[in-house]
C-alpha atoms as a PDB file:
ATOM      1  CA  MET A   1     208.119 168.250 108.564  1.00  0.00           C
ATOM      2  CA  ARG A   2     209.654 165.041 109.864  1.00  0.00           C
ATOM      3  CA  ILE A   3     210.689 164.791 113.513  1.00  0.00           C
ATOM      4  CA  ASP A   4     212.177 162.293 115.953  1.00  0.00           C
ATOM      5  CA  TYR A   5     211.513 163.590 119.466  1.00  0.00           C
ATOM      6  CA  HIS A   6     212.409 160.793 121.850  1.00  0.00           C
ATOM      7  CA  MET A   7     216.001 159.624 121.957  1.00  0.00           C
ATOM      8  CA  HIS A   8     218.910 159.543 124.363  1.00  0.00           C
ATOM      9  CA  PHE A   9     222.550 160.635 124.301  1.00  0.00           C
ATOM     10  CA  GLU A  10     223.181 158.790 127.581  1.00  0.00           C
ATOM     11  CA  ASN A  11     225.141 155.815 126.212  1.00  0.00           C
ATOM     12  CA  GLY A  12     227.886 158.234 125.242  1.00  0.00           C
ATOM     13  CA  SER A  13     228.780 161.547 126.793  1.00  0.00           C
ATOM     14  CA  TYR A  14     227.998 165.192 126.333  1.00  0.00           C
ATOM     15  CA  ASN A  15     230.520 165.950 123.646  1.00  0.00           C
ATOM     16  CA  LEU A  16     230.072 166.939 120.040  1.00  0.00           C
ATOM     17  CA  GLU A  17     231.856 163.951 118.547  1.00  0.00           C
ATOM     18  CA  TRP A  18     229.357 161.522 120.094  1.00  0.00           C
ATOM     19  CA  VAL A  19     226.240 163.456 119.172  1.00  0.00           C
ATOM     20  CA  LYS A  20     227.261 164.275 115.593  1.00  0.00           C
ATOM     21  CA  GLY A  21     226.343 160.693 114.750  1.00  0.00           C
ATOM     22  CA  PHE A  22     222.721 161.327 115.721  1.00  0.00           C
ATOM     23  CA  PHE A  23     222.490 164.327 113.422  1.00  0.00           C
ATOM     24  CA  ARG A  24     224.232 162.463 110.613  1.00  0.00           C
ATOM     25  CA  HIS A  25     221.747 159.602 110.722  1.00  0.00           C
ATOM     26  CA  ALA A  26     218.882 162.081 111.042  1.00  0.00           C
ATOM     27  CA  ARG A  27     219.953 163.711 107.777  1.00  0.00           C
ATOM     28  CA  GLN A  28     220.251 160.341 106.079  1.00  0.00           C
ATOM     29  CA  ARG A  29     216.642 159.564 107.055  1.00  0.00           C
ATOM     30  CA  ASN A  30     215.323 163.012 106.108  1.00  0.00           C
ATOM     31  CA  ILE A  31     214.606 164.025 109.699  1.00  0.00           C
ATOM     32  CA  ASP A  32     214.219 167.807 109.914  1.00  0.00           C
ATOM     33  CA  GLU A  33     214.476 168.137 113.688  1.00  0.00           C
ATOM     34  CA  ILE A  34     215.415 165.843 116.539  1.00  0.00           C
ATOM     35  CA  GLY A  35     214.486 166.059 120.186  1.00  0.00           C
ATOM     36  CA  ILE A  36     216.577 164.637 123.004  1.00  0.00           C
ATOM     37  CA  ALA A  37     214.626 163.332 125.978  1.00  0.00           C
ATOM     38  CA  GLU A  38     217.223 162.093 128.427  1.00  0.00           C
ATOM     39  CA  HIS A  39     215.980 159.688 131.081  1.00  0.00           C
ATOM     40  CA  SER A  40     215.540 161.180 134.509  1.00  0.00           C
ATOM     41  CA  HIS A  41     217.824 158.436 135.868  1.00  0.00           C
ATOM     42  CA  GLY A  42     220.720 160.170 134.155  1.00  0.00           C
ATOM     43  CA  PHE A  43     220.606 163.095 136.565  1.00  0.00           C
ATOM     44  CA  ILE A  44     221.754 163.403 140.149  1.00  0.00           C
ATOM     45  CA  GLU A  45     218.691 165.470 141.030  1.00  0.00           C
ATOM     46  CA  PHE A  46     216.490 162.373 140.645  1.00  0.00           C
ATOM     47  CA  LYS A  47     218.630 159.885 142.570  1.00  0.00           C
ATOM     48  CA  GLU A  48     216.681 160.044 145.808  1.00  0.00           C
ATOM     49  CA  LEU A  49     213.386 159.619 143.959  1.00  0.00           C
ATOM     50  CA  TYR A  50     214.593 156.313 142.470  1.00  0.00           C
ATOM     51  CA  ASN A  51     215.768 155.148 145.885  1.00  0.00           C
ATOM     52  CA  GLU A  52     212.315 155.906 147.250  1.00  0.00           C
ATOM     53  CA  GLU A  53     210.397 154.485 144.308  1.00  0.00           C
ATOM     54  CA  LEU A  54     211.963 151.128 143.498  1.00  0.00           C
ATOM     55  CA  ILE A  55     212.012 147.808 145.281  1.00  0.00           C
ATOM     56  CA  LEU A  56     215.615 147.676 146.466  1.00  0.00           C
ATOM     57  CA  ASP A  57     215.555 144.869 149.036  1.00  0.00           C
ATOM     58  CA  ASP A  58     217.266 141.457 148.922  1.00  0.00           C
ATOM     59  CA  SER A  59     214.552 139.850 146.783  1.00  0.00           C
ATOM     60  CA  PRO A  60     215.321 138.936 143.159  1.00  0.00           C
ATOM     61  CA  ILE A  61     213.539 142.114 142.029  1.00  0.00           C
ATOM     62  CA  GLY A  62     215.329 144.287 144.564  1.00  0.00           C
ATOM     63  CA  THR A  63     218.749 142.793 143.886  1.00  0.00           C
ATOM     64  CA  TYR A  64     218.421 143.325 140.138  1.00  0.00           C
ATOM     65  CA  GLN A  65     217.140 146.877 140.518  1.00  0.00           C
ATOM     66  CA  GLN A  66     219.949 147.755 142.923  1.00  0.00           C
ATOM     67  CA  GLN A  67     222.443 146.702 140.267  1.00  0.00           C
ATOM     68  CA  TRP A  68     220.542 148.581 137.571  1.00  0.00           C
ATOM     69  CA  LEU A  69     220.882 151.808 139.531  1.00  0.00           C
ATOM     70  CA  LEU A  70     224.660 151.380 139.581  1.00  0.00           C
ATOM     71  CA  LYS A  71     225.018 151.161 135.785  1.00  0.00           C
ATOM     72  CA  ASN A  72     225.517 154.459 133.990  1.00  0.00           C
ATOM     73  CA  LYS A  73     223.075 156.360 136.223  1.00  0.00           C
ATOM     74  CA  PHE A  74     223.137 159.836 137.777  1.00  0.00           C
ATOM     75  CA  ARG A  75     226.229 160.888 135.799  1.00  0.00           C
ATOM     76  CA  TYR A  76     225.248 164.482 135.157  1.00  0.00           C
ATOM     77  CA  SER A  77     223.366 167.378 136.642  1.00  0.00           C
ATOM     78  CA  LEU A  78     220.440 168.929 134.822  1.00  0.00           C
ATOM     79  CA  LYS A  79     222.552 172.066 134.451  1.00  0.00           C
ATOM     80  CA  ASP A  80     225.210 170.045 132.608  1.00  0.00           C
ATOM     81  CA  TYR A  81     222.539 168.786 130.250  1.00  0.00           C
ATOM     82  CA  MET A  82     220.891 172.144 129.636  1.00  0.00           C
ATOM     83  CA  ASP A  83     224.242 173.842 129.042  1.00  0.00           C
ATOM     84  CA  PHE A  84     225.210 171.208 126.476  1.00  0.00           C
ATOM     85  CA  MET A  85     221.858 171.336 124.677  1.00  0.00           C
ATOM     86  CA  ASN A  86     221.945 175.133 124.565  1.00  0.00           C
ATOM     87  CA  SER A  87     225.414 174.958 123.050  1.00  0.00           C
ATOM     88  CA  LEU A  88     224.084 172.684 120.283  1.00  0.00           C
ATOM     89  CA  LYS A  89     221.285 175.122 119.538  1.00  0.00           C
ATOM     90  CA  LYS A  90     223.697 178.065 119.398  1.00  0.00           C
ATOM     91  CA  GLN A  91     225.780 176.144 116.873  1.00  0.00           C
ATOM     92  CA  GLY A  92     222.729 175.752 114.671  1.00  0.00           C
ATOM     93  CA  TYR A  93     221.913 172.088 115.217  1.00  0.00           C
ATOM     94  CA  PRO A  94     218.194 171.368 114.645  1.00  0.00           C
ATOM     95  CA  VAL A  95     217.452 170.051 118.125  1.00  0.00           C
ATOM     96  CA  LYS A  96     214.944 170.467 120.944  1.00  0.00           C
ATOM     97  CA  THR A  97     215.549 169.823 124.629  1.00  0.00           C
ATOM     98  CA  GLY A  98     213.259 167.361 126.331  1.00  0.00           C
ATOM     99  CA  ILE A  99     213.377 164.984 129.253  1.00  0.00           C
ATOM    100  CA  GLU A 100     211.709 161.635 129.923  1.00  0.00           C
ATOM    101  CA  VAL A 101     210.576 161.349 133.527  1.00  0.00           C
ATOM    102  CA  CYS A 102     209.478 158.130 135.213  1.00  0.00           C
ATOM    103  CA  ASN A 103     206.158 157.708 136.983  1.00  0.00           C
ATOM    104  CA  PHE A 104     207.315 158.602 140.479  1.00  0.00           C
ATOM    105  CA  LYS A 105     204.792 158.647 143.278  1.00  0.00           C
ATOM    106  CA  ASN A 106     206.220 161.937 144.570  1.00  0.00           C
ATOM    107  CA  GLN A 107     205.176 164.199 141.712  1.00  0.00           C
ATOM    108  CA  GLN A 108     205.467 167.258 143.942  1.00  0.00           C
ATOM    109  CA  ARG A 109     209.204 166.647 144.199  1.00  0.00           C
ATOM    110  CA  VAL A 110     209.398 166.132 140.424  1.00  0.00           C
ATOM    111  CA  ALA A 111     207.720 169.515 139.946  1.00  0.00           C
ATOM    112  CA  GLU A 112     210.248 171.169 142.246  1.00  0.00           C
ATOM    113  CA  ILE A 113     213.132 169.718 140.226  1.00  0.00           C
ATOM    114  CA  LEU A 114     211.736 170.549 136.806  1.00  0.00           C
ATOM    115  CA  LYS A 115     210.642 174.130 137.502  1.00  0.00           C
ATOM    116  CA  GLU A 116     214.241 175.333 137.516  1.00  0.00           C
ATOM    117  CA  TYR A 117     214.832 174.461 133.849  1.00  0.00           C
ATOM    118  CA  ASN A 118     213.439 175.575 130.493  1.00  0.00           C
ATOM    119  CA  PHE A 119     212.632 172.439 128.538  1.00  0.00           C
ATOM    120  CA  ASP A 120     211.004 172.443 125.124  1.00  0.00           C
ATOM    121  CA  TYR A 121     208.832 169.507 126.167  1.00  0.00           C
ATOM    122  CA  ILE A 122     208.532 166.950 128.952  1.00  0.00           C
ATOM    123  CA  ILE A 123     207.642 163.288 128.438  1.00  0.00           C
ATOM    124  CA  GLY A 124     206.133 161.279 131.265  1.00  0.00           C
ATOM    125  CA  SER A 125     206.560 157.514 130.927  1.00  0.00           C
ATOM    126  CA  VAL A 126     205.395 154.568 132.988  1.00  0.00           C
ATOM    127  CA  HIS A 127     208.431 152.403 133.672  1.00  0.00           C
ATOM    128  CA  PHE A 128     207.414 150.974 137.056  1.00  0.00           C
ATOM    129  CA  ILE A 129     204.366 149.119 138.294  1.00  0.00           C
ATOM    130  CA  ASN A 130     204.212 148.750 142.061  1.00  0.00           C
ATOM    131  CA  SER A 131     207.932 149.628 142.182  1.00  0.00           C
ATOM    132  CA  TRP A 132     208.861 146.871 139.697  1.00  0.00           C
ATOM    133  CA  GLY A 133     210.504 147.727 136.375  1.00  0.00           C
ATOM    134  CA  PHE A 134     208.153 145.784 134.120  1.00  0.00           C
ATOM    135  CA  ASP A 135     210.222 146.382 130.977  1.00  0.00           C
ATOM    136  CA  PHE A 136     213.376 144.742 132.368  1.00  0.00           C
ATOM    137  CA  SER A 137     213.906 141.528 130.431  1.00  0.00           C
ATOM    138  CA  ASP A 138     215.701 139.990 133.435  1.00  0.00           C
ATOM    139  CA  LEU A 139     212.549 140.449 135.517  1.00  0.00           C
ATOM    140  CA  LYS A 140     210.084 138.882 133.096  1.00  0.00           C
ATOM    141  CA  PHE A 141     209.308 136.183 135.654  1.00  0.00           C
ATOM    142  CA  VAL A 142     207.360 138.748 137.681  1.00  0.00           C
ATOM    143  CA  TRP A 143     204.692 138.848 134.984  1.00  0.00           C
ATOM    144  CA  ASP A 144     203.725 135.295 135.893  1.00  0.00           C
ATOM    145  CA  GLU A 145     203.056 136.304 139.501  1.00  0.00           C
ATOM    146  CA  HIS A 146     200.114 138.575 138.631  1.00  0.00           C
ATOM    147  CA  SER A 147     197.050 138.467 136.442  1.00  0.00           C
ATOM    148  CA  LEU A 148     197.431 140.404 133.222  1.00  0.00           C
ATOM    149  CA  ARG A 149     194.155 142.186 133.908  1.00  0.00           C
ATOM    150  CA  ASP A 150     195.565 143.506 137.195  1.00  0.00           C
ATOM    151  CA  ILE A 151     198.733 144.651 135.442  1.00  0.00           C
ATOM    152  CA  TYR A 152     196.672 146.563 132.880  1.00  0.00           C
ATOM    153  CA  ASP A 153     194.648 148.153 135.654  1.00  0.00           C
ATOM    154  CA  TRP A 154     197.774 149.169 137.587  1.00  0.00           C
ATOM    155  CA  TYR A 155     199.447 150.502 134.444  1.00  0.00           C
ATOM    156  CA  THR A 156     196.371 152.560 133.568  1.00  0.00           C
ATOM    157  CA  ALA A 157     196.258 153.998 137.079  1.00  0.00           C
ATOM    158  CA  GLU A 158     199.900 155.044 136.769  1.00  0.00           C
ATOM    159  CA  ILE A 159     199.135 156.945 133.568  1.00  0.00           C
ATOM    160  CA  GLU A 160     196.183 158.621 135.235  1.00  0.00           C
ATOM    161  CA  GLY A 161     198.545 159.723 138.003  1.00  0.00           C
ATOM    162  CA  LEU A 162     200.975 161.226 135.508  1.00  0.00           C
ATOM    163  CA  CYS A 163     198.134 163.088 133.853  1.00  0.00           C
ATOM    164  CA  ARG A 164     196.818 164.463 137.141  1.00  0.00           C
ATOM    165  CA  ALA A 165     200.274 165.809 137.994  1.00  0.00           C
ATOM    166  CA  GLY A 166     199.921 168.459 135.301  1.00  0.00           C
ATOM    167  CA  LEU A 167     203.647 168.407 134.519  1.00  0.00           C
ATOM    168  CA  TYR A 168     203.846 166.578 131.208  1.00  0.00           C
ATOM    169  CA  ASP A 169     203.318 167.351 127.547  1.00  0.00           C
ATOM    170  CA  VAL A 170     203.504 163.814 126.144  1.00  0.00           C
ATOM    171  CA  LEU A 171     202.933 160.245 127.346  1.00  0.00           C
ATOM    172  CA  GLY A 172     205.869 158.044 126.369  1.00  0.00           C
ATOM    173  CA  HIS A 173     205.379 154.770 124.440  1.00  0.00           C
ATOM    174  CA  PRO A 174     201.725 154.112 125.386  1.00  0.00           C
ATOM    175  CA  PHE A 175     200.781 150.534 126.221  1.00  0.00           C
ATOM    176  CA  ASN A 176     204.263 149.130 125.863  1.00  0.00           C
ATOM    177  CA  LEU A 177     202.939 146.463 128.228  1.00  0.00           C
ATOM    178  CA  ARG A 178     203.018 144.308 125.104  1.00  0.00           C
ATOM    179  CA  LEU A 179     206.856 144.368 124.923  1.00  0.00           C
ATOM    180  CA  PHE A 180     207.323 140.696 125.799  1.00  0.00           C
ATOM    181  CA  LYS A 181     204.212 139.474 123.977  1.00  0.00           C
ATOM    182  CA  HIS A 182     201.881 139.388 126.957  1.00  0.00           C
ATOM    183  CA  ILE A 183     198.724 139.727 124.881  1.00  0.00           C
ATOM    184  CA  PRO A 184     195.440 140.041 126.783  1.00  0.00           C
ATOM    185  CA  THR A 185     192.481 137.820 126.026  1.00  0.00           C
ATOM    186  CA  PHE A 186     190.077 140.075 127.942  1.00  0.00           C
ATOM    187  CA  ASP A 187     188.438 143.301 126.753  1.00  0.00           C
ATOM    188  CA  VAL A 188     191.057 146.055 127.095  1.00  0.00           C
ATOM    189  CA  GLN A 189     188.883 148.848 125.719  1.00  0.00           C
ATOM    190  CA  PRO A 190     187.878 150.163 129.173  1.00  0.00           C
ATOM    191  CA  PHE A 191     191.562 150.649 129.993  1.00  0.00           C
ATOM    192  CA  LEU A 192     192.236 152.326 126.644  1.00  0.00           C
ATOM    193  CA  ASN A 193     189.332 154.685 127.221  1.00  0.00           C
ATOM    194  CA  ARG A 194     190.516 155.574 130.726  1.00  0.00           C
ATOM    195  CA  VAL A 195     193.930 156.507 129.385  1.00  0.00           C
ATOM    196  CA  ALA A 196     192.536 158.534 126.495  1.00  0.00           C
ATOM    197  CA  ILE A 197     190.191 160.430 128.807  1.00  0.00           C
ATOM    198  CA  ALA A 198     193.013 161.219 131.232  1.00  0.00           C
ATOM    199  CA  LEU A 199     195.261 162.441 128.408  1.00  0.00           C
ATOM    200  CA  SER A 200     192.505 164.561 126.932  1.00  0.00           C
ATOM    201  CA  GLU A 201     191.731 166.183 130.269  1.00  0.00           C
ATOM    202  CA  ALA A 202     195.440 166.889 130.835  1.00  0.00           C
ATOM    203  CA  GLY A 203     195.985 168.311 127.339  1.00  0.00           C
ATOM    204  CA  MET A 204     198.745 165.779 126.652  1.00  0.00           C
ATOM    205  CA  GLY A 205     199.864 164.142 123.444  1.00  0.00           C
ATOM    206  CA  ILE A 206     201.229 160.651 122.863  1.00  0.00           C
ATOM    207  CA  ASP A 207     204.546 159.326 121.642  1.00  0.00           C
ATOM    208  CA  VAL A 208     204.302 157.207 118.478  1.00  0.00           C
ATOM    209  CA  ASN A 209     207.397 155.198 119.221  1.00  0.00           C
ATOM    210  CA  THR A 210     209.235 152.862 116.849  1.00  0.00           C
ATOM    211  CA  GLY A 211     211.604 151.594 119.549  1.00  0.00           C
ATOM    212  CA  THR A 212     209.185 148.780 120.329  1.00  0.00           C
ATOM    213  CA  LEU A 213     209.371 147.757 116.683  1.00  0.00           C
ATOM    214  CA  TYR A 214     213.104 147.118 116.567  1.00  0.00           C
ATOM    215  CA  ARG A 215     214.211 146.700 120.190  1.00  0.00           C
ATOM    216  CA  TYR A 216     211.674 144.287 121.724  1.00  0.00           C
ATOM    217  CA  PRO A 217     210.119 140.906 120.926  1.00  0.00           C
ATOM    218  CA  ILE A 218     206.703 142.391 120.140  1.00  0.00           C
ATOM    219  CA  ASN A 219     208.068 144.020 116.946  1.00  0.00           C
ATOM    220  CA  GLU A 220     205.333 146.630 116.695  1.00  0.00           C
ATOM    221  CA  ILE A 221     205.077 150.389 116.885  1.00  0.00           C
ATOM    222  CA  SER A 222     203.670 151.775 120.123  1.00  0.00           C
ATOM    223  CA  PRO A 223     200.886 152.521 120.601  1.00  0.00           C
ATOM    224  CA  TYR A 224     199.488 149.374 119.042  1.00  0.00           C
ATOM    225  CA  PRO A 225     196.459 149.650 116.720  1.00  0.00           C
ATOM    226  CA  ALA A 226     193.671 149.428 119.302  1.00  0.00           C
ATOM    227  CA  PHE A 227     195.000 152.388 121.261  1.00  0.00           C
ATOM    228  CA  MET A 228     196.006 154.268 118.113  1.00  0.00           C
ATOM    229  CA  LYS A 229     192.357 154.152 117.073  1.00  0.00           C
ATOM    230  CA  THR A 230     191.179 155.156 120.550  1.00  0.00           C
ATOM    231  CA  ALA A 231     193.617 158.064 120.668  1.00  0.00           C
ATOM    232  CA  LYS A 232     192.273 159.367 117.369  1.00  0.00           C
ATOM    233  CA  ASP A 233     188.700 158.970 118.591  1.00  0.00           C
ATOM    234  CA  TYR A 234     189.601 161.302 121.484  1.00  0.00           C
ATOM    235  CA  ASN A 235     191.659 163.639 119.253  1.00  0.00           C
ATOM    236  CA  ILE A 236     194.886 163.049 121.174  1.00  0.00           C
ATOM    237  CA  PRO A 237     197.806 164.726 119.321  1.00  0.00           C
ATOM    238  CA  ILE A 238     201.042 162.913 118.533  1.00  0.00           C
ATOM    239  CA  ILE A 239     204.789 163.155 118.227  1.00  0.00           C
ATOM    240  CA  PHE A 240     207.074 160.675 116.447  1.00  0.00           C
ATOM    241  CA  SER A 241     210.101 159.000 117.963  1.00  0.00           C
ATOM    242  CA  SER A 242     212.640 156.241 117.412  1.00  0.00           C
ATOM    243  CA  ASP A 243     213.618 155.939 121.092  1.00  0.00           C
ATOM    244  CA  ALA A 244     217.192 155.744 119.810  1.00  0.00           C
ATOM    245  CA  HIS A 245     219.926 154.996 122.333  1.00  0.00           C
ATOM    246  CA  ARG A 246     222.611 154.809 119.645  1.00  0.00           C
ATOM    247  CA  PRO A 247     223.362 157.253 116.807  1.00  0.00           C
ATOM    248  CA  GLU A 248     222.574 154.698 114.112  1.00  0.00           C
ATOM    249  CA  ASP A 249     219.004 154.323 115.402  1.00  0.00           C
ATOM    250  CA  CYS A 250     218.150 158.020 115.134  1.00  0.00           C
ATOM    251  CA  GLY A 251     215.189 158.326 112.788  1.00  0.00           C
ATOM    252  CA  ARG A 252     214.772 154.574 112.464  1.00  0.00           C
ATOM    253  CA  TYR A 253     211.363 153.678 110.993  1.00  0.00           C
ATOM    254  CA  ILE A 254     209.927 157.183 111.382  1.00  0.00           C
ATOM    255  CA  ASP A 255     208.752 156.917 107.784  1.00  0.00           C
ATOM    256  CA  LEU A 256     206.797 153.781 108.699  1.00  0.00           C
ATOM    257  CA  ALA A 257     205.342 155.511 111.767  1.00  0.00           C
ATOM    258  CA  GLU A 258     204.084 158.356 109.593  1.00  0.00           C
ATOM    259  CA  GLU A 259     202.290 155.949 107.287  1.00  0.00           C
ATOM    260  CA  TYR A 260     200.978 153.997 110.278  1.00  0.00           C
ATOM    261  CA  VAL A 261     199.225 156.983 111.888  1.00  0.00           C
ATOM    262  CA  LYS A 262     197.737 158.111 108.593  1.00  0.00           C
ATOM    263  CA  GLU A 263     195.782 154.849 108.569  1.00  0.00           C
ATOM    264  CA  TYR A 264     193.938 156.154 111.643  1.00  0.00           C
ATOM    265  CA  GLY A 265     193.244 159.603 110.216  1.00  0.00           C
ATOM    266  CA  TYR A 266     196.203 161.536 111.598  1.00  0.00           C
ATOM    267  CA  ASN A 267     197.732 164.188 109.366  1.00  0.00           C
ATOM    268  CA  GLU A 268     199.366 166.446 111.977  1.00  0.00           C
ATOM    269  CA  VAL A 269     202.312 166.138 114.332  1.00  0.00           C
ATOM    270  CA  LEU A 270     203.274 168.425 117.213  1.00  0.00           C
ATOM    271  CA  ILE A 271     206.463 170.502 117.103  1.00  0.00           C
ATOM    272  CA  PHE A 272     207.516 171.871 120.500  1.00  0.00           C
ATOM    273  CA  THR A 273     209.346 175.014 121.542  1.00  0.00           C
ATOM    274  CA  GLU A 274     209.534 176.102 125.187  1.00  0.00           C
ATOM    275  CA  ARG A 275     206.513 174.003 126.195  1.00  0.00           C
ATOM    276  CA  LYS A 276     204.326 175.331 123.395  1.00  0.00           C
ATOM    277  CA  ALA A 277     203.247 173.024 120.593  1.00  0.00           C
ATOM    278  CA  VAL A 278     202.485 173.869 116.987  1.00  0.00           C
ATOM    279  CA  ALA A 279     200.667 171.390 114.779  1.00  0.00           C
ATOM    280  CA  HIS A 280     202.460 170.704 111.495  1.00  0.00           C
ATOM    281  CA  ARG A 281     201.159 168.691 108.627  1.00  0.00           C
ATOM    282  CA  ILE A 282     203.040 165.407 108.541  1.00  0.00           C
ATOM    283  CA  GLY A 283     205.734 166.067 105.990  1.00  0.00           C
ATOM    284  CA  GLY A 284     204.396 169.579 105.347  1.00  0.00           C
ATOM    285  CA  LYS A 285     204.148 173.153 106.616  1.00  0.00           C
ATOM    286  CA  VAL A 286     202.652 174.635 109.794  1.00  0.00           C
ATOM    287  CA  ILE A 287     198.874 174.469 109.508  1.00  0.00           C
ATOM    288  CA  SER A 288     197.591 175.707 112.867  1.00  0.00           C
ATOM    289  CA  LYS A 289     198.450 178.213 115.575  1.00  0.00           C
ATOM    290  CA  ALA A 290     200.530 177.492 118.686  1.00  0.00           C
ATOM    291  CA  ILE A 291     198.757 175.626 121.444  1.00  0.00           C
ATOM    292  CA  CYS A 292     199.851 175.334 125.049  1.00  0.00           C
ATOM    293  CA  LEU A 293     199.842 171.819 126.450  1.00  0.00           C
END
């Protein structure tokens, strides 16, 4: 079975004409099932959390992030989203309902928001380090203000926080710290081990994400080989995703991602329904019983 479980409708709107393109490209790339994981910044319920989380002062970081929050954010309610996704399922579209939530400090408030809705899976992703959006290309200058070792340590601590929250099924795009080709010269294995241990203890999987292959300068699948090997060493399960933001990117390079993980000994992928995961053989049939993550 071939899946693509991390993509976003948000650059269009919740109408069938926009989303048909995602399903069309999925069919063209032999994707059996897609999963939509809208960013939490698309929903009004999360607005206050972003205002609390981000640097929003008059500094260059704050000024940019203020403007970012004004662009295509908080357009819908979670009810709008769930109603639309349920309508797609009723019409027979092969789709699962997920959400991608940022690494907010106030995880108790996140839990209160999420408990009202029946997702198939929930992705937790680190998008902020010390309230700075490290993946914003316009804020790349901030990287030069800190040591890369410190950034890796902070990033790892953020993942550990997501894992401790007990809310998430999957970690999004692990170690996408490499997006802009900031490649460490120090030993990163202690950080990789910390993340793998935290994921294992939380019962979470990881997102094998091709978006970093075609959308960023690093041009590689996340997680990169060193963490892919570490994840396998700790028996961390996986999903596949294109991180598509446009219909034409749905399913992009999933075939390459499947071959990539096989190099590290993976032959199963998780399929989610109502927060339960079933392991399927990559490209094959169900081979193990449902597991709760």
